[in-house]
C-alpha cells in the first residue's frame, strides 16, 4: 500500500443517530483506512452531538467514490475528500 494520498473528512451533525451507520461503512472499507481521527467537544459530564472524522485512505484502487456515496446516504452526514497526488 504505497498510495496513501487521499484524505477524507466526515462531518456528523447528529452522532447519536448516525454513529452506528457511519461505523458500518467505515468497517466495510476498513482495509483502505490507514489513519482515523475522531474529533468532538467532550467534557466530564457531557459531549456535543456533532463530530468530525478524518481519514487517510491507502491503496492503489481505493473506492473513494463508493465510500463517499454510501456515507452521503446517511442523513446528517457530509463528506469531502482530496487527493494529494
N, C-alpha and C. Protein backbone atom coordinates (compact mmCIF):
# COMPACT_ATOMS: atom_id res chain seq x y z
N UNK A 1 0.83 -1.17 0.00
CA UNK A 1 0.00 0.00 0.00
C UNK A 1 0.88 1.24 0.00
N UNK A 2 1.29 1.67 -1.14
CA UNK A 2 2.15 2.83 -1.24
C UNK A 2 1.39 4.12 -1.43
N UNK A 3 0.23 4.07 -2.07
CA UNK A 3 -0.53 5.28 -2.36
C UNK A 3 -1.46 5.61 -1.19
N UNK A 4 -1.03 6.55 -0.36
CA UNK A 4 -1.83 6.97 0.81
C UNK A 4 -2.09 8.46 0.75
N UNK A 5 -2.48 8.93 -0.43
CA UNK A 5 -2.58 10.37 -0.66
C UNK A 5 -3.99 10.93 -0.58
N UNK A 6 -4.97 10.12 -0.21
CA UNK A 6 -6.35 10.61 -0.12
C UNK A 6 -6.72 10.87 1.33
N UNK A 7 -7.22 12.07 1.59
CA UNK A 7 -7.70 12.47 2.91
C UNK A 7 -9.21 12.71 2.81
N UNK A 8 -9.97 12.09 3.70
CA UNK A 8 -11.43 12.25 3.70
C UNK A 8 -11.87 12.82 5.05
N UNK A 9 -12.81 13.75 4.99
CA UNK A 9 -13.41 14.32 6.19
C UNK A 9 -14.89 13.98 6.21
N UNK A 10 -15.35 13.48 7.33
CA UNK A 10 -16.76 13.13 7.52
C UNK A 10 -17.28 13.99 8.66
N UNK A 11 -18.35 14.74 8.41
CA UNK A 11 -18.97 15.57 9.44
C UNK A 11 -20.30 14.94 9.80
N UNK A 12 -20.49 14.68 11.08
CA UNK A 12 -21.74 14.12 11.58
C UNK A 12 -22.43 15.19 12.42
N UNK A 13 -23.62 15.59 11.99
CA UNK A 13 -24.36 16.61 12.74
C UNK A 13 -25.19 16.02 13.87
N UNK A 14 -25.39 14.73 13.87
CA UNK A 14 -26.16 14.06 14.93
C UNK A 14 -25.50 12.70 15.20
N UNK A 15 -24.43 12.71 15.99
CA UNK A 15 -23.66 11.48 16.22
C UNK A 15 -24.48 10.36 16.84
N UNK A 16 -25.41 10.69 17.72
CA UNK A 16 -26.23 9.67 18.35
C UNK A 16 -27.01 8.88 17.30
N UNK A 17 -27.52 9.59 16.31
CA UNK A 17 -28.31 8.96 15.26
C UNK A 17 -27.46 8.29 14.19
N UNK A 18 -26.29 8.86 13.89
CA UNK A 18 -25.53 8.41 12.72
C UNK A 18 -24.34 7.51 13.03
N UNK A 19 -23.90 7.44 14.26
CA UNK A 19 -22.64 6.76 14.58
C UNK A 19 -22.59 5.30 14.12
N UNK A 20 -23.62 4.55 14.37
CA UNK A 20 -23.61 3.13 14.01
C UNK A 20 -23.59 2.95 12.50
N UNK A 21 -24.37 3.75 11.78
CA UNK A 21 -24.40 3.65 10.32
C UNK A 21 -23.06 4.04 9.71
N UNK A 22 -22.46 5.11 10.21
CA UNK A 22 -21.15 5.54 9.71
C UNK A 22 -20.12 4.46 10.02
N UNK A 23 -20.15 3.91 11.23
CA UNK A 23 -19.21 2.86 11.59
C UNK A 23 -19.33 1.65 10.68
N UNK A 24 -20.55 1.29 10.30
CA UNK A 24 -20.74 0.16 9.38
C UNK A 24 -20.05 0.41 8.04
N UNK A 25 -20.15 1.62 7.51
CA UNK A 25 -19.49 1.95 6.24
C UNK A 25 -17.98 1.92 6.42
N UNK A 26 -17.48 2.51 7.51
CA UNK A 26 -16.04 2.53 7.73
C UNK A 26 -15.48 1.12 7.91
N UNK A 27 -16.24 0.26 8.55
CA UNK A 27 -15.81 -1.14 8.70
C UNK A 27 -15.73 -1.82 7.34
N UNK A 28 -16.71 -1.56 6.49
CA UNK A 28 -16.73 -2.16 5.15
C UNK A 28 -15.48 -1.80 4.36
N UNK A 29 -15.01 -0.56 4.50
CA UNK A 29 -13.84 -0.08 3.77
C UNK A 29 -12.58 -0.02 4.64
N UNK A 30 -12.60 -0.71 5.75
CA UNK A 30 -11.54 -0.63 6.75
C UNK A 30 -10.15 -0.97 6.24
N UNK A 31 -10.05 -1.85 5.26
CA UNK A 31 -8.73 -2.22 4.72
C UNK A 31 -8.06 -1.06 4.00
N UNK A 32 -8.81 -0.04 3.65
CA UNK A 32 -8.26 1.13 2.96
C UNK A 32 -7.95 2.28 3.91
N UNK A 33 -8.32 2.14 5.19
CA UNK A 33 -8.14 3.22 6.15
C UNK A 33 -6.83 3.00 6.91
N UNK A 34 -5.91 3.93 6.72
CA UNK A 34 -4.62 3.86 7.43
C UNK A 34 -4.69 4.63 8.75
N UNK A 35 -5.30 5.82 8.71
CA UNK A 35 -5.42 6.65 9.91
C UNK A 35 -6.86 7.10 10.05
N UNK A 36 -7.35 7.05 11.28
CA UNK A 36 -8.70 7.55 11.58
C UNK A 36 -8.59 8.39 12.84
N UNK A 37 -9.10 9.62 12.76
CA UNK A 37 -9.07 10.53 13.89
C UNK A 37 -10.47 11.10 14.08
N UNK A 38 -11.05 10.89 15.24
CA UNK A 38 -12.37 11.41 15.55
C UNK A 38 -12.28 12.58 16.49
N UNK A 39 -13.01 13.65 16.17
CA UNK A 39 -12.97 14.87 16.98
C UNK A 39 -14.39 15.30 17.36
N UNK A 40 -14.57 15.61 18.63
CA UNK A 40 -15.81 16.23 19.09
C UNK A 40 -15.52 16.92 20.42
N UNK A 41 -16.37 17.86 20.80
CA UNK A 41 -16.20 18.55 22.07
C UNK A 41 -16.68 17.63 23.18
N UNK A 42 -15.79 17.30 24.09
CA UNK A 42 -16.14 16.41 25.19
C UNK A 42 -15.81 17.07 26.52
N UNK A 43 -16.65 16.79 27.50
CA UNK A 43 -16.42 17.25 28.87
C UNK A 43 -16.76 16.09 29.80
N UNK A 44 -16.47 16.25 31.06
CA UNK A 44 -16.70 15.16 32.01
C UNK A 44 -18.16 14.73 32.03
N UNK A 45 -19.08 15.67 32.02
CA UNK A 45 -20.50 15.34 32.16
C UNK A 45 -21.29 15.41 30.87
N UNK A 46 -20.66 15.82 29.76
CA UNK A 46 -21.41 15.93 28.51
C UNK A 46 -20.46 15.99 27.32
N UNK A 47 -21.02 15.77 26.16
CA UNK A 47 -20.26 15.97 24.92
C UNK A 47 -21.24 16.39 23.83
N UNK A 48 -20.70 17.03 22.82
CA UNK A 48 -21.57 17.52 21.75
C UNK A 48 -22.09 16.36 20.91
N UNK A 49 -23.17 16.60 20.22
CA UNK A 49 -23.77 15.58 19.37
C UNK A 49 -23.29 15.70 17.93
N UNK A 50 -22.29 16.54 17.68
CA UNK A 50 -21.71 16.64 16.35
C UNK A 50 -20.24 16.25 16.45
N UNK A 51 -19.69 15.83 15.32
CA UNK A 51 -18.30 15.44 15.33
C UNK A 51 -17.72 15.37 13.93
N UNK A 52 -16.40 15.27 13.88
CA UNK A 52 -15.68 15.17 12.62
C UNK A 52 -14.78 13.94 12.68
N UNK A 53 -14.74 13.20 11.59
CA UNK A 53 -13.82 12.08 11.46
C UNK A 53 -12.91 12.39 10.28
N UNK A 54 -11.59 12.31 10.51
CA UNK A 54 -10.60 12.48 9.45
C UNK A 54 -10.00 11.12 9.13
N UNK A 55 -9.90 10.80 7.85
CA UNK A 55 -9.35 9.52 7.41
C UNK A 55 -8.21 9.74 6.43
N UNK A 56 -7.18 8.92 6.54
CA UNK A 56 -6.17 8.81 5.49
C UNK A 56 -6.43 7.47 4.83
N UNK A 57 -6.72 7.51 3.53
CA UNK A 57 -7.07 6.31 2.78
C UNK A 57 -5.88 5.86 1.94
N UNK A 58 -5.63 4.55 1.91
CA UNK A 58 -4.48 3.99 1.20
C UNK A 58 -4.90 2.88 0.26
N UNK A 59 -4.10 2.70 -0.77
CA UNK A 59 -4.31 1.62 -1.72
C UNK A 59 -4.27 2.13 -3.14
N UNK A 60 -3.98 1.24 -4.05
CA UNK A 60 -3.91 1.63 -5.46
C UNK A 60 -5.30 1.87 -6.05
N UNK A 61 -6.29 1.12 -5.60
CA UNK A 61 -7.66 1.28 -6.09
C UNK A 61 -8.61 1.55 -4.93
N UNK A 62 -8.41 2.65 -4.26
CA UNK A 62 -9.29 3.00 -3.14
C UNK A 62 -10.66 3.37 -3.70
N UNK A 63 -11.73 2.72 -3.24
CA UNK A 63 -13.08 3.01 -3.74
C UNK A 63 -13.67 4.26 -3.08
N UNK A 64 -13.01 5.39 -3.28
CA UNK A 64 -13.38 6.64 -2.61
C UNK A 64 -14.79 7.07 -2.99
N UNK A 65 -15.12 7.03 -4.26
CA UNK A 65 -16.46 7.46 -4.70
C UNK A 65 -17.56 6.60 -4.08
N UNK A 66 -17.35 5.29 -4.04
CA UNK A 66 -18.36 4.40 -3.47
C UNK A 66 -18.53 4.68 -1.98
N UNK A 67 -17.41 4.86 -1.30
CA UNK A 67 -17.45 5.15 0.13
C UNK A 67 -18.17 6.47 0.39
N UNK A 68 -17.84 7.49 -0.40
CA UNK A 68 -18.49 8.79 -0.28
C UNK A 68 -20.00 8.66 -0.49
N UNK A 69 -20.41 7.94 -1.53
CA UNK A 69 -21.84 7.80 -1.82
C UNK A 69 -22.57 7.09 -0.69
N UNK A 70 -21.96 6.04 -0.14
CA UNK A 70 -22.61 5.32 0.96
C UNK A 70 -22.74 6.19 2.21
N UNK A 71 -21.71 6.97 2.49
CA UNK A 71 -21.78 7.86 3.65
C UNK A 71 -22.80 8.97 3.44
N UNK A 72 -22.90 9.50 2.23
CA UNK A 72 -23.85 10.58 1.97
C UNK A 72 -25.30 10.10 1.97
N UNK A 73 -25.52 8.80 1.90
CA UNK A 73 -26.87 8.26 2.01
C UNK A 73 -27.41 8.35 3.44
N UNK A 74 -26.50 8.57 4.38
CA UNK A 74 -26.88 8.67 5.79
C UNK A 74 -27.25 10.13 6.08
N UNK A 75 -28.45 10.33 6.62
CA UNK A 75 -28.87 11.72 6.91
C UNK A 75 -27.96 12.33 7.97
N UNK A 76 -27.76 13.63 7.89
CA UNK A 76 -26.93 14.40 8.81
C UNK A 76 -25.44 14.08 8.71
N UNK A 77 -25.01 13.53 7.56
CA UNK A 77 -23.59 13.24 7.33
C UNK A 77 -23.14 13.96 6.06
N UNK A 78 -22.02 14.66 6.15
CA UNK A 78 -21.42 15.33 5.00
C UNK A 78 -20.02 14.78 4.79
N UNK A 79 -19.61 14.68 3.54
CA UNK A 79 -18.31 14.10 3.20
C UNK A 79 -17.59 14.97 2.19
N UNK A 80 -16.31 15.17 2.41
CA UNK A 80 -15.42 15.84 1.44
C UNK A 80 -14.12 15.07 1.44
N UNK A 81 -13.44 15.06 0.29
CA UNK A 81 -12.13 14.43 0.25
C UNK A 81 -11.25 15.13 -0.76
N UNK A 82 -9.95 14.88 -0.60
CA UNK A 82 -8.99 15.44 -1.53
C UNK A 82 -7.86 14.44 -1.71
N UNK A 83 -7.23 14.51 -2.87
CA UNK A 83 -6.09 13.66 -3.16
C UNK A 83 -4.87 14.56 -3.25
N UNK A 84 -3.80 14.15 -2.61
CA UNK A 84 -2.58 14.94 -2.57
C UNK A 84 -1.56 14.46 -3.58
N UNK A 85 -2.00 13.83 -4.65
CA UNK A 85 -1.09 13.36 -5.70
C UNK A 85 -0.43 14.50 -6.40
